[in-house]
Amino acid sequence: MIMNKFIKENWIKIIAVIILLCAVLDNPYGYYQFLRWSIMIIGGYSAYLSYISKKNNWTFIFIAITVLFNPIIPFYFSKDVWQILDIVTAVIFSYSLINNKNK
């Protein structure tokens, strides 16, 4: 019951972690466009939820993720750098899930 509630409240962050971890595989270019849009949207939504929950540190972290992954004014890095950023961002989303679960 508790796990079901946790998944219900955090499914979008779980999806973000999966999308980010799959990005380290060899994917077509379209996947990375999908990744940018989806992580930008999930990051923005997570920033909004953090803001209304008065979790200012998480709000700024998710805003930074939203800006980093935005496809409108993109940042250009090498594939190796993006893979590191994808993993670090997946860890951040995972940590926010664990942090949220503990409270």
PDB file of N, CA and C in Angstrom:
ATOM      1  N   MET A   1       0.819  -1.193   0.000  1.00  0.00           N
ATOM      2  CA  MET A   1       0.000   0.000   0.000  1.00  0.00           C
ATOM      3  C   MET A   1       0.864   1.258   0.000  1.00  0.00           C
ATOM      4  N   ILE A   2       1.899   1.268   0.858  1.00  0.00           N
ATOM      5  CA  ILE A   2       2.787   2.428   0.933  1.00  0.00           C
ATOM      6  C   ILE A   2       3.553   2.589  -0.377  1.00  0.00           C
ATOM      7  N   MET A   3       4.037   1.459  -0.931  1.00  0.00           N
ATOM      8  CA  MET A   3       4.791   1.512  -2.186  1.00  0.00           C
ATOM      9  C   MET A   3       3.891   1.997  -3.322  1.00  0.00           C
ATOM     10  N   ASN A   4       2.650   1.554  -3.337  1.00  0.00           N
ATOM     11  CA  ASN A   4       1.706   1.977  -4.360  1.00  0.00           C
ATOM     12  C   ASN A   4       1.496   3.492  -4.312  1.00  0.00           C
ATOM     13  N   LYS A   5       1.364   4.052  -3.107  1.00  0.00           N
ATOM     14  CA  LYS A   5       1.202   5.500  -2.941  1.00  0.00           C
ATOM     15  C   LYS A   5       2.466   6.235  -3.414  1.00  0.00           C
ATOM     16  N   PHE A   6       3.630   5.676  -3.066  1.00  0.00           N
ATOM     17  CA  PHE A   6       4.899   6.285  -3.474  1.00  0.00           C
ATOM     18  C   PHE A   6       4.994   6.350  -5.000  1.00  0.00           C
ATOM     19  N   ILE A   7       4.683   5.254  -5.672  1.00  0.00           N
ATOM     20  CA  ILE A   7       4.751   5.228  -7.133  1.00  0.00           C
ATOM     21  C   ILE A   7       3.725   6.183  -7.734  1.00  0.00           C
ATOM     22  N   LYS A   8       2.544   6.221  -7.156  1.00  0.00           N
ATOM     23  CA  LYS A   8       1.490   7.100  -7.651  1.00  0.00           C
ATOM     24  C   LYS A   8       1.901   8.575  -7.577  1.00  0.00           C
ATOM     25  N   GLU A   9       2.609   8.949  -6.504  1.00  0.00           N
ATOM     26  CA  GLU A   9       3.022  10.335  -6.323  1.00  0.00           C
ATOM     27  C   GLU A   9       4.290  10.699  -7.100  1.00  0.00           C
ATOM     28  N   ASN A  10       5.095   9.712  -7.452  1.00  0.00           N
ATOM     29  CA  ASN A  10       6.416   9.998  -8.037  1.00  0.00           C
ATOM     30  C   ASN A  10       6.672   9.331  -9.375  1.00  0.00           C
ATOM     31  N   TRP A  11       5.644   8.855 -10.047  1.00  0.00           N
ATOM     32  CA  TRP A  11       5.855   8.108 -11.276  1.00  0.00           C
ATOM     33  C   TRP A  11       6.588   8.918 -12.336  1.00  0.00           C
ATOM     34  N   ILE A  12       6.365  10.202 -12.375  1.00  0.00           N
ATOM     35  CA  ILE A  12       6.996  11.017 -13.414  1.00  0.00           C
ATOM     36  C   ILE A  12       8.516  11.101 -13.207  1.00  0.00           C
ATOM     37  N   LYS A  13       8.959  11.161 -11.950  1.00  0.00           N
ATOM     38  CA  LYS A  13      10.406  11.175 -11.691  1.00  0.00           C
ATOM     39  C   LYS A  13      11.015   9.806 -11.989  1.00  0.00           C
ATOM     40  N   ILE A  14      10.264   8.739 -11.731  1.00  0.00           N
ATOM     41  CA  ILE A  14      10.746   7.390 -12.053  1.00  0.00           C
ATOM     42  C   ILE A  14      10.936   7.263 -13.562  1.00  0.00           C
ATOM     43  N   ILE A  15      10.001   7.793 -14.330  1.00  0.00           N
ATOM     44  CA  ILE A  15      10.119   7.800 -15.793  1.00  0.00           C
ATOM     45  C   ILE A  15      11.361   8.586 -16.217  1.00  0.00           C
ATOM     46  N   ALA A  16      11.603   9.725 -15.577  1.00  0.00           N
ATOM     47  CA  ALA A  16      12.780  10.549 -15.906  1.00  0.00           C
ATOM     48  C   ALA A  16      14.062   9.760 -15.686  1.00  0.00           C
ATOM     49  N   VAL A  17      14.144   9.030 -14.580  1.00  0.00           N
ATOM     50  CA  VAL A  17      15.343   8.237 -14.291  1.00  0.00           C
ATOM     51  C   VAL A  17      15.548   7.188 -15.386  1.00  0.00           C
ATOM     52  N   ILE A  18      14.483   6.517 -15.781  1.00  0.00           N
ATOM     53  CA  ILE A  18      14.586   5.483 -16.816  1.00  0.00           C
ATOM     54  C   ILE A  18      15.031   6.090 -18.142  1.00  0.00           C
ATOM     55  N   ILE A  19      14.411   7.204 -18.536  1.00  0.00           N
ATOM     56  CA  ILE A  19      14.771   7.874 -19.793  1.00  0.00           C
ATOM     57  C   ILE A  19      16.242   8.292 -19.779  1.00  0.00           C
ATOM     58  N   LEU A  20      16.680   8.850 -18.650  1.00  0.00           N
ATOM     59  CA  LEU A  20      18.066   9.323 -18.545  1.00  0.00           C
ATOM     60  C   LEU A  20      19.063   8.172 -18.586  1.00  0.00           C
ATOM     61  N   LEU A  21      18.763   7.078 -17.922  1.00  0.00           N
ATOM     62  CA  LEU A  21      19.686   5.942 -17.926  1.00  0.00           C
ATOM     63  C   LEU A  21      19.737   5.257 -19.287  1.00  0.00           C
ATOM     64  N   CYS A  22      18.619   5.248 -20.003  1.00  0.00           N
ATOM     65  CA  CYS A  22      18.616   4.683 -21.361  1.00  0.00           C
ATOM     66  C   CYS A  22      19.416   5.544 -22.336  1.00  0.00           C
ATOM     67  N   ALA A  23      19.634   6.803 -21.984  1.00  0.00           N
ATOM     68  CA  ALA A  23      20.368   7.719 -22.871  1.00  0.00           C
ATOM     69  C   ALA A  23      21.835   7.349 -23.006  1.00  0.00           C
ATOM     70  N   VAL A  24      22.372   6.559 -22.089  1.00  0.00           N
ATOM     71  CA  VAL A  24      23.787   6.186 -22.206  1.00  0.00           C
ATOM     72  C   VAL A  24      23.980   5.076 -23.241  1.00  0.00           C
ATOM     73  N   LEU A  25      22.886   4.489 -23.723  1.00  0.00           N
ATOM     74  CA  LEU A  25      22.968   3.492 -24.785  1.00  0.00           C
ATOM     75  C   LEU A  25      23.123   4.210 -26.121  1.00  0.00           C
ATOM     76  N   ASP A  26      23.394   3.441 -27.159  1.00  0.00           N
ATOM     77  CA  ASP A  26      23.539   4.018 -28.496  1.00  0.00           C
ATOM     78  C   ASP A  26      22.150   4.162 -29.106  1.00  0.00           C
ATOM     79  N   ASN A  27      21.618   5.364 -29.098  1.00  0.00           N
ATOM     80  CA  ASN A  27      20.264   5.640 -29.571  1.00  0.00           C
ATOM     81  C   ASN A  27      20.302   6.536 -30.804  1.00  0.00           C
ATOM     82  N   PRO A  28      19.212   6.531 -31.582  1.00  0.00           N
ATOM     83  CA  PRO A  28      19.139   7.465 -32.709  1.00  0.00           C
ATOM     84  C   PRO A  28      18.990   8.899 -32.205  1.00  0.00           C
ATOM     85  N   TYR A  29      19.278   9.847 -33.056  1.00  0.00           N
ATOM     86  CA  TYR A  29      19.245  11.264 -32.700  1.00  0.00           C
ATOM     87  C   TYR A  29      17.890  11.685 -32.146  1.00  0.00           C
ATOM     88  N   GLY A  30      16.819  11.130 -32.688  1.00  0.00           N
ATOM     89  CA  GLY A  30      15.472  11.475 -32.241  1.00  0.00           C
ATOM     90  C   GLY A  30      15.249  11.177 -30.759  1.00  0.00           C
ATOM     91  N   TYR A  31      15.906  10.143 -30.255  1.00  0.00           N
ATOM     92  CA  TYR A  31      15.762   9.817 -28.833  1.00  0.00           C
ATOM     93  C   TYR A  31      16.278  10.954 -27.964  1.00  0.00           C
ATOM     94  N   TYR A  32      17.376  11.545 -28.367  1.00  0.00           N
ATOM     95  CA  TYR A  32      17.976  12.610 -27.572  1.00  0.00           C
ATOM     96  C   TYR A  32      17.130  13.893 -27.639  1.00  0.00           C
ATOM     97  N   GLN A  33      16.435  14.095 -28.745  1.00  0.00           N
ATOM     98  CA  GLN A  33      15.483  15.201 -28.818  1.00  0.00           C
ATOM     99  C   GLN A  33      14.316  14.940 -27.863  1.00  0.00           C
ATOM    100  N   PHE A  34      13.817  13.702 -27.869  1.00  0.00           N
ATOM    101  CA  PHE A  34      12.764  13.305 -26.940  1.00  0.00           C
ATOM    102  C   PHE A  34      13.246  13.470 -25.496  1.00  0.00           C
ATOM    103  N   LEU A  35      14.480  13.097 -25.238  1.00  0.00           N
ATOM    104  CA  LEU A  35      15.063  13.213 -23.899  1.00  0.00           C
ATOM    105  C   LEU A  35      15.071  14.672 -23.441  1.00  0.00           C
ATOM    106  N   ARG A  36      15.531  15.561 -24.303  1.00  0.00           N
ATOM    107  CA  ARG A  36      15.586  16.982 -23.941  1.00  0.00           C
ATOM    108  C   ARG A  36      14.197  17.527 -23.600  1.00  0.00           C
ATOM    109  N   TRP A  37      13.224  17.248 -24.460  1.00  0.00           N
ATOM    110  CA  TRP A  37      11.871  17.748 -24.208  1.00  0.00           C
ATOM    111  C   TRP A  37      11.286  17.163 -22.934  1.00  0.00           C
ATOM    112  N   SER A  38      11.410  15.852 -22.770  1.00  0.00           N
ATOM    113  CA  SER A  38      10.785  15.208 -21.611  1.00  0.00           C
ATOM    114  C   SER A  38      11.456  15.615 -20.302  1.00  0.00           C
ATOM    115  N   ILE A  39      12.778  15.686 -20.268  1.00  0.00           N
ATOM    116  CA  ILE A  39      13.465  16.074 -19.031  1.00  0.00           C
ATOM    117  C   ILE A  39      13.234  17.554 -18.740  1.00  0.00           C
ATOM    118  N   MET A  40      13.138  18.380 -19.772  1.00  0.00           N
ATOM    119  CA  MET A  40      12.809  19.779 -19.538  1.00  0.00           C
ATOM    120  C   MET A  40      11.426  19.905 -18.896  1.00  0.00           C
ATOM    121  N   ILE A  41      10.465  19.170 -19.414  1.00  0.00           N
ATOM    122  CA  ILE A  41       9.105  19.232 -18.879  1.00  0.00           C
ATOM    123  C   ILE A  41       9.037  18.651 -17.471  1.00  0.00           C
ATOM    124  N   ILE A  42       9.647  17.493 -17.275  1.00  0.00           N
ATOM    125  CA  ILE A  42       9.629  16.858 -15.944  1.00  0.00           C
ATOM    126  C   ILE A  42      10.399  17.713 -14.939  1.00  0.00           C
ATOM    127  N   GLY A  43      11.517  18.273 -15.355  1.00  0.00           N
ATOM    128  CA  GLY A  43      12.289  19.150 -14.471  1.00  0.00           C
ATOM    129  C   GLY A  43      11.500  20.391 -14.084  1.00  0.00           C
ATOM    130  N   GLY A  44      10.827  20.982 -15.058  1.00  0.00           N
ATOM    131  CA  GLY A  44      10.001  22.161 -14.769  1.00  0.00           C
ATOM    132  C   GLY A  44       8.852  21.833 -13.840  1.00  0.00           C
ATOM    133  N   TYR A  45       8.204  20.704 -14.078  1.00  0.00           N
ATOM    134  CA  TYR A  45       7.101  20.272 -13.215  1.00  0.00           C
ATOM    135  C   TYR A  45       7.606  19.972 -11.801  1.00  0.00           C
ATOM    136  N   SER A  46       8.761  19.327 -11.712  1.00  0.00           N
ATOM    137  CA  SER A  46       9.355  19.029 -10.402  1.00  0.00           C
ATOM    138  C   SER A  46       9.751  20.305  -9.675  1.00  0.00           C
ATOM    139  N   ALA A  47      10.244  21.302 -10.417  1.00  0.00           N
ATOM    140  CA  ALA A  47      10.578  22.595  -9.807  1.00  0.00           C
ATOM    141  C   ALA A  47       9.316  23.246  -9.259  1.00  0.00           C
ATOM    142  N   TYR A  48       8.240  23.181 -10.021  1.00  0.00           N
ATOM    143  CA  TYR A  48       6.966  23.750  -9.572  1.00  0.00           C
ATOM    144  C   TYR A  48       6.482  23.050  -8.298  1.00  0.00           C
ATOM    145  N   LEU A  49       6.510  21.714  -8.284  1.00  0.00           N
ATOM    146  CA  LEU A  49       6.074  20.971  -7.093  1.00  0.00           C
ATOM    147  C   LEU A  49       6.955  21.294  -5.893  1.00  0.00           C
ATOM    148  N   SER A  50       8.251  21.431  -6.119  1.00  0.00           N
ATOM    149  CA  SER A  50       9.166  21.780  -5.035  1.00  0.00           C
ATOM    150  C   SER A  50       8.881  23.181  -4.521  1.00  0.00           C
ATOM    151  N   TYR A  51       8.578  24.079  -5.439  1.00  0.00           N
ATOM    152  CA  TYR A  51       8.278  25.457  -5.055  1.00  0.00           C
ATOM    153  C   TYR A  51       7.032  25.540  -4.178  1.00  0.00           C
ATOM    154  N   ILE A  52       5.967  24.854  -4.578  1.00  0.00           N
ATOM    155  CA  ILE A  52       4.739  24.925  -3.784  1.00  0.00           C
ATOM    156  C   ILE A  52       4.875  24.173  -2.463  1.00  0.00           C
ATOM    157  N   SER A  53       5.856  23.261  -2.389  1.00  0.00           N
ATOM    158  CA  SER A  53       6.132  22.545  -1.138  1.00  0.00           C
ATOM    159  C   SER A  53       7.148  23.293  -0.278  1.00  0.00           C
ATOM    160  N   LYS A  54       7.601  24.453  -0.776  1.00  0.00           N
ATOM    161  CA  LYS A  54       8.593  25.288  -0.086  1.00  0.00           C
ATOM    162  C   LYS A  54       9.927  24.564   0.139  1.00  0.00           C
ATOM    163  N   LYS A  55      10.322  23.772  -0.843  1.00  0.00           N
ATOM    164  CA  LYS A  55      11.620  23.094  -0.832  1.00  0.00           C
ATOM    165  C   LYS A  55      12.525  23.855  -1.797  1.00  0.00           C
ATOM    166  N   ASN A  56      13.041  24.984  -1.316  1.00  0.00           N
ATOM    167  CA  ASN A  56      13.765  25.909  -2.194  1.00  0.00           C
ATOM    168  C   ASN A  56      15.003  25.305  -2.834  1.00  0.00           C
ATOM    169  N   ASN A  57      15.756  24.493  -2.097  1.00  0.00           N
ATOM    170  CA  ASN A  57      16.958  23.891  -2.685  1.00  0.00           C
ATOM    171  C   ASN A  57      16.597  23.024  -3.879  1.00  0.00           C
ATOM    172  N   TRP A  58      15.561  22.199  -3.721  1.00  0.00           N
ATOM    173  CA  TRP A  58      15.132  21.342  -4.828  1.00  0.00           C
ATOM    174  C   TRP A  58      14.570  22.173  -5.975  1.00  0.00           C
ATOM    175  N   THR A  59      13.913  23.254  -5.674  1.00  0.00           N
ATOM    176  CA  THR A  59      13.383  24.116  -6.725  1.00  0.00           C
ATOM    177  C   THR A  59      14.507  24.606  -7.628  1.00  0.00           C
ATOM    178  N   PHE A  60      15.583  25.106  -7.037  1.00  0.00           N
ATOM    179  CA  PHE A  60      16.703  25.616  -7.833  1.00  0.00           C
ATOM    180  C   PHE A  60      17.412  24.497  -8.596  1.00  0.00           C
ATOM    181  N   ILE A  61      17.527  23.328  -7.991  1.00  0.00           N
ATOM    182  CA  ILE A  61      18.162  22.195  -8.680  1.00  0.00           C
ATOM    183  C   ILE A  61      17.350  21.806  -9.910  1.00  0.00           C
ATOM    184  N   PHE A  62      16.025  21.717  -9.752  1.00  0.00           N
ATOM    185  CA  PHE A  62      15.186  21.331 -10.888  1.00  0.00           C
ATOM    186  C   PHE A  62      15.103  22.426 -11.946  1.00  0.00           C
ATOM    187  N   ILE A  63      15.197  23.678 -11.545  1.00  0.00           N
ATOM    188  CA  ILE A  63      15.267  24.762 -12.533  1.00  0.00           C
ATOM    189  C   ILE A  63      16.552  24.635 -13.351  1.00  0.00           C
ATOM    190  N   ALA A  64      17.652  24.324 -12.685  1.00  0.00           N
ATOM    191  CA  ALA A  64      18.927  24.145 -13.394  1.00  0.00           C
ATOM    192  C   ALA A  64      18.835  22.986 -14.388  1.00  0.00           C
ATOM    193  N   ILE A  65      18.195  21.895 -13.986  1.00  0.00           N
ATOM    194  CA  ILE A  65      18.008  20.754 -14.902  1.00  0.00           C
ATOM    195  C   ILE A  65      17.150  21.175 -16.093  1.00  0.00           C
ATOM    196  N   THR A  66      16.100  21.923 -15.829  1.00  0.00           N
ATOM    197  CA  THR A  66      15.216  22.392 -16.894  1.00  0.00           C
ATOM    198  C   THR A  66      15.975  23.248 -17.904  1.00  0.00           C
ATOM    199  N   VAL A  67      16.801  24.146 -17.416  1.00  0.00           N
ATOM    200  CA  VAL A  67      17.587  25.015 -18.303  1.00  0.00           C
ATOM    201  C   VAL A  67      18.623  24.200 -19.073  1.00  0.00           C
ATOM    202  N   LEU A  68      19.292  23.280 -18.403  1.00  0.00           N
ATOM    203  CA  LEU A  68      20.335  22.474 -19.042  1.00  0.00           C
ATOM    204  C   LEU A  68      19.785  21.627 -20.184  1.00  0.00           C
ATOM    205  N   PHE A  69      18.611  21.052 -20.002  1.00  0.00           N
ATOM    206  CA  PHE A  69      18.062  20.133 -20.996  1.00  0.00           C
ATOM    207  C   PHE A  69      17.118  20.797 -21.995  1.00  0.00           C
ATOM    208  N   ASN A  70      16.903  22.104 -21.883  1.00  0.00           N
ATOM    209  CA  ASN A  70      15.934  22.742 -22.773  1.00  0.00           C
ATOM    210  C   ASN A  70      16.374  22.620 -24.229  1.00  0.00           C
ATOM    211  N   PRO A  71      15.436  22.242 -25.110  1.00  0.00           N
ATOM    212  CA  PRO A  71      15.775  22.094 -26.528  1.00  0.00           C
ATOM    213  C   PRO A  71      15.610  23.386 -27.330  1.00  0.00           C
ATOM    214  N   ILE A  72      15.072  24.417 -26.721  1.00  0.00           N
ATOM    215  CA  ILE A  72      14.794  25.655 -27.439  1.00  0.00           C
ATOM    216  C   ILE A  72      16.066  26.473 -27.618  1.00  0.00           C
ATOM    217  N   ILE A  73      16.807  26.644 -26.538  1.00  0.00           N
ATOM    218  CA  ILE A  73      18.133  27.278 -26.585  1.00  0.00           C
ATOM    219  C   ILE A  73      19.111  26.251 -26.004  1.00  0.00           C
ATOM    220  N   PRO A  74      19.514  25.287 -26.829  1.00  0.00           N
ATOM    221  CA  PRO A  74      20.263  24.143 -26.298  1.00  0.00           C
ATOM    222  C   PRO A  74      21.724  24.448 -25.975  1.00  0.00           C
ATOM    223  N   PHE A  75      22.225  23.671 -25.026  1.00  0.00           N
ATOM    224  CA  PHE A  75      23.652  23.632 -24.740  1.00  0.00           C
ATOM    225  C   PHE A  75      24.234  22.520 -25.600  1.00  0.00           C
ATOM    226  N   TYR A  76      25.423  22.733 -26.118  1.00  0.00           N
ATOM    227  CA  TYR A  76      26.073  21.736 -26.958  1.00  0.00           C
ATOM    228  C   TYR A  76      27.306  21.202 -26.241  1.00  0.00           C
ATOM    229  N   PHE A  77      27.276  19.897 -25.954  1.00  0.00           N
ATOM    230  CA  PHE A  77      28.401  19.216 -25.332  1.00  0.00           C
ATOM    231  C   PHE A  77      28.704  17.968 -26.151  1.00  0.00           C
ATOM    232  N   SER A  78      29.870  17.386 -25.925  1.00  0.00           N
ATOM    233  CA  SER A  78      30.196  16.134 -26.593  1.00  0.00           C
ATOM    234  C   SER A  78      29.333  15.008 -26.017  1.00  0.00           C
ATOM    235  N   LYS A  79      29.279  13.902 -26.726  1.00  0.00           N
ATOM    236  CA  LYS A  79      28.483  12.756 -26.281  1.00  0.00           C
ATOM    237  C   LYS A  79      28.944  12.266 -24.911  1.00  0.00           C
ATOM    238  N   ASP A  80      30.253  12.259 -24.690  1.00  0.00           N
ATOM    239  CA  ASP A  80      30.786  11.807 -23.397  1.00  0.00           C
ATOM    240  C   ASP A  80      30.315  12.694 -22.248  1.00  0.00           C
ATOM    241  N   VAL A  81      30.317  13.991 -22.471  1.00  0.00           N
ATOM    242  CA  VAL A  81      29.858  14.923 -21.434  1.00  0.00           C
ATOM    243  C   VAL A  81      28.371  14.735 -21.183  1.00  0.00           C
ATOM    244  N   TRP A  82      27.588  14.566 -22.269  1.00  0.00           N
ATOM    245  CA  TRP A  82      26.145  14.354 -22.093  1.00  0.00           C
ATOM    246  C   TRP A  82      25.864  13.072 -21.332  1.00  0.00           C
ATOM    247  N   GLN A  83      26.641  12.032 -21.578  1.00  0.00           N
ATOM    248  CA  GLN A  83      26.425  10.780 -20.848  1.00  0.00           C
ATOM    249  C   GLN A  83      26.650  10.977 -19.352  1.00  0.00           C
ATOM    250  N   ILE A  84      27.674  11.726 -19.006  1.00  0.00           N
ATOM    251  CA  ILE A  84      27.932  12.026 -17.592  1.00  0.00           C
ATOM    252  C   ILE A  84      26.777  12.857 -17.016  1.00  0.00           C
ATOM    253  N   LEU A  85      26.351  13.869 -17.752  1.00  0.00           N
ATOM    254  CA  LEU A  85      25.237  14.709 -17.299  1.00  0.00           C
ATOM    255  C   LEU A  85      23.945  13.905 -17.152  1.00  0.00           C
ATOM    256  N   ASP A  86      23.716  12.972 -18.077  1.00  0.00           N
ATOM    257  CA  ASP A  86      22.527  12.119 -17.987  1.00  0.00           C
ATOM    258  C   ASP A  86      22.557  11.274 -16.719  1.00  0.00           C
ATOM    259  N   ILE A  87      23.700  10.690 -16.414  1.00  0.00           N
ATOM    260  CA  ILE A  87      23.830   9.850 -15.218  1.00  0.00           C
ATOM    261  C   ILE A  87      23.698  10.698 -13.951  1.00  0.00           C
ATOM    262  N   VAL A  88      24.363  11.837 -13.924  1.00  0.00           N
ATOM    263  CA  VAL A  88      24.278  12.716 -12.748  1.00  0.00           C
ATOM    264  C   VAL A  88      22.832  13.178 -12.537  1.00  0.00           C
ATOM    265  N   THR A  89      22.153  13.523 -13.616  1.00  0.00           N
ATOM    266  CA  THR A  89      20.756  13.963 -13.507  1.00  0.00           C
ATOM    267  C   THR A  89      19.861  12.819 -13.042  1.00  0.00           C
ATOM    268  N   ALA A  90      20.109  11.609 -13.518  1.00  0.00           N
ATOM    269  CA  ALA A  90      19.350  10.441 -13.048  1.00  0.00           C
ATOM    270  C   ALA A  90      19.568  10.231 -11.556  1.00  0.00           C
ATOM    271  N   VAL A  91      20.804  10.426 -11.099  1.00  0.00           N
ATOM    272  CA  VAL A  91      21.108  10.296  -9.666  1.00  0.00           C
ATOM    273  C   VAL A  91      20.375  11.382  -8.872  1.00  0.00           C
ATOM    274  N   ILE A  92      20.328  12.587  -9.397  1.00  0.00           N
ATOM    275  CA  ILE A  92      19.621  13.685  -8.716  1.00  0.00           C
ATOM    276  C   ILE A  92      18.134  13.365  -8.588  1.00  0.00           C
ATOM    277  N   PHE A  93      17.521  12.924  -9.686  1.00  0.00           N
ATOM    278  CA  PHE A  93      16.105  12.554  -9.623  1.00  0.00           C
ATOM    279  C   PHE A  93      15.896  11.399  -8.643  1.00  0.00           C
ATOM    280  N   SER A  94      16.799  10.413  -8.663  1.00  0.00           N
ATOM    281  CA  SER A  94      16.690   9.275  -7.740  1.00  0.00           C
ATOM    282  C   SER A  94      16.816   9.735  -6.296  1.00  0.00           C
ATOM    283  N   TYR A  95      17.776  10.595  -6.040  1.00  0.00           N
ATOM    284  CA  TYR A  95      17.961  11.112  -4.681  1.00  0.00           C
ATOM    285  C   TYR A  95      16.742  11.904  -4.225  1.00  0.00           C
ATOM    286  N   SER A  96      16.132  12.658  -5.135  1.00  0.00           N
ATOM    287  CA  SER A  96      14.939  13.410  -4.754  1.00  0.00           C
ATOM    288  C   SER A  96      13.792  12.455  -4.420  1.00  0.00           C
ATOM    289  N   LEU A  97      13.742  11.314  -5.084  1.00  0.00           N
ATOM    290  CA  LEU A  97      12.729  10.301  -4.751  1.00  0.00           C
ATOM    291  C   LEU A  97      12.968   9.738  -3.356  1.00  0.00           C
ATOM    292  N   ILE A  98      14.218   9.414  -3.059  1.00  0.00           N
ATOM    293  CA  ILE A  98      14.567   8.849  -1.745  1.00  0.00           C
ATOM    294  C   ILE A  98      14.333   9.889  -0.668  1.00  0.00           C
ATOM    295  N   ASN A  99      14.743  11.121  -0.935  1.00  0.00           N
ATOM    296  CA  ASN A  99      14.564  12.209   0.029  1.00  0.00           C
ATOM    297  C   ASN A  99      13.087  12.437   0.301  1.00  0.00           C
ATOM    298  N   ASN A 100      12.265  12.377  -0.749  1.00  0.00           N
ATOM    299  CA  ASN A 100      10.825  12.568  -0.606  1.00  0.00           C
ATOM    300  C   ASN A 100      10.189  11.412   0.157  1.00  0.00           C
ATOM    301  N   LYS A 101      10.708  10.197  -0.064  1.00  0.00           N
ATOM    302  CA  LYS A 101      10.165   9.013   0.605  1.00  0.00           C
ATOM    303  C   LYS A 101      10.425   9.046   2.098  1.00  0.00           C
ATOM    304  N   ASN A 102      11.572   9.592   2.492  1.00  0.00           N
ATOM    305  CA  ASN A 102      11.951   9.624   3.897  1.00  0.00           C
ATOM    306  C   ASN A 102      11.176  10.655   4.707  1.00  0.00           C
ATOM    307  N   LYS A 103      10.479  11.555   4.041  1.00  0.00           N
ATOM    308  CA  LYS A 103       9.770  12.628   4.771  1.00  0.00           C
ATOM    309  C   LYS A 103       8.293  12.400   4.820  1.00  0.00           C
TER     310      LYS A 103
END
